[in-house]
């Protein structure tokens, strides 16, 4: 799968490659932030006596 993406990247201009890197970086940062937020919510819930049905 990765090799297929790398073949596609060969045809992109340097500017487009940099734009793609920037967008991927932002996507990963967003995913990590969501995971961290969810982890915090779960810890709070585990420390409570009653767990609500929905987050």
C-alpha atoms as a PDB file:
ATOM      1  CA  UNK A   1       0.000   0.000   0.000  1.00  0.00           C
ATOM      2  CA  UNK A   2       2.776   2.421   0.944  1.00  0.00           C
ATOM      3  CA  UNK A   3       4.650   1.635  -2.271  1.00  0.00           C
ATOM      4  CA  UNK A   4       1.564   2.547  -4.282  1.00  0.00           C
ATOM      5  CA  UNK A   5       1.390   5.927  -2.582  1.00  0.00           C
ATOM      6  CA  UNK A   6       5.092   6.509  -3.158  1.00  0.00           C
ATOM      7  CA  UNK A   7       4.626   5.886  -6.873  1.00  0.00           C
ATOM      8  CA  UNK A   8       1.897   8.532  -6.937  1.00  0.00           C
ATOM      9  CA  UNK A   9       4.144  10.976  -5.103  1.00  0.00           C
ATOM     10  CA  UNK A  10       6.818  10.716  -7.787  1.00  0.00           C
ATOM     11  CA  UNK A  11       4.588  12.699 -10.144  1.00  0.00           C
ATOM     12  CA  UNK A  12       3.859  15.530  -7.720  1.00  0.00           C
ATOM     13  CA  UNK A  13       5.705  18.818  -7.767  1.00  0.00           C
ATOM     14  CA  UNK A  14       7.889  19.687  -4.766  1.00  0.00           C
ATOM     15  CA  UNK A  15       5.301  22.279  -3.724  1.00  0.00           C
ATOM     16  CA  UNK A  16       2.498  19.726  -3.782  1.00  0.00           C
ATOM     17  CA  UNK A  17       4.624  17.251  -1.836  1.00  0.00           C
ATOM     18  CA  UNK A  18       5.263  19.860   0.864  1.00  0.00           C
ATOM     19  CA  UNK A  19       1.556  20.692   0.998  1.00  0.00           C
ATOM     20  CA  UNK A  20       0.745  17.001   1.401  1.00  0.00           C
ATOM     21  CA  UNK A  21       3.320  16.643   4.194  1.00  0.00           C
ATOM     22  CA  UNK A  22       1.814  19.635   5.978  1.00  0.00           C
ATOM     23  CA  UNK A  23      -1.718  18.268   5.714  1.00  0.00           C
ATOM     24  CA  UNK A  24      -0.674  14.809   6.884  1.00  0.00           C
ATOM     25  CA  UNK A  25       1.167  16.335   9.832  1.00  0.00           C
ATOM     26  CA  UNK A  26      -1.908  18.330  10.820  1.00  0.00           C
ATOM     27  CA  UNK A  27      -4.066  15.221  10.498  1.00  0.00           C
ATOM     28  CA  UNK A  28      -1.788  13.196  12.778  1.00  0.00           C
ATOM     29  CA  UNK A  29      -1.654  16.016  15.341  1.00  0.00           C
ATOM     30  CA  UNK A  30      -5.451  16.210  15.315  1.00  0.00           C
ATOM     31  CA  UNK A  31      -5.766  12.448  15.790  1.00  0.00           C
ATOM     32  CA  UNK A  32      -3.336  12.516  18.709  1.00  0.00           C
ATOM     33  CA  UNK A  33      -5.198  15.409  20.315  1.00  0.00           C
ATOM     34  CA  UNK A  34      -8.525  13.551  20.012  1.00  0.00           C
ATOM     35  CA  UNK A  35      -6.985  10.413  21.500  1.00  0.00           C
ATOM     36  CA  UNK A  36      -5.557  12.396  24.420  1.00  0.00           C
ATOM     37  CA  UNK A  37      -8.919  14.081  25.056  1.00  0.00           C
ATOM     38  CA  UNK A  38     -10.730  10.745  24.972  1.00  0.00           C
ATOM     39  CA  UNK A  39      -8.182   9.234  27.355  1.00  0.00           C
ATOM     40  CA  UNK A  40      -8.751  12.092  29.813  1.00  0.00           C
ATOM     41  CA  UNK A  41     -12.531  11.629  29.621  1.00  0.00           C
ATOM     42  CA  UNK A  42     -12.190   7.917  30.240  1.00  0.00           C
ATOM     43  CA  UNK A  43      -9.971   8.493  33.270  1.00  0.00           C
ATOM     44  CA  UNK A  44     -12.519  10.910  34.723  1.00  0.00           C
ATOM     45  CA  UNK A  45     -15.291   8.386  34.144  1.00  0.00           C
ATOM     46  CA  UNK A  46     -13.318   5.580  35.752  1.00  0.00           C
ATOM     47  CA  UNK A  47     -12.811   7.741  38.838  1.00  0.00           C
ATOM     48  CA  UNK A  48     -16.548   8.404  39.172  1.00  0.00           C
ATOM     49  CA  UNK A  49     -18.958   6.124  41.013  1.00  0.00           C
ATOM     50  CA  UNK A  50     -21.542   6.172  38.216  1.00  0.00           C
ATOM     51  CA  UNK A  51     -20.645   5.946  34.558  1.00  0.00           C
ATOM     52  CA  UNK A  52     -23.034   7.823  32.238  1.00  0.00           C
ATOM     53  CA  UNK A  53     -24.494   5.968  29.259  1.00  0.00           C
ATOM     54  CA  UNK A  54     -22.985   8.458  26.784  1.00  0.00           C
ATOM     55  CA  UNK A  55     -19.811  10.510  26.750  1.00  0.00           C
END
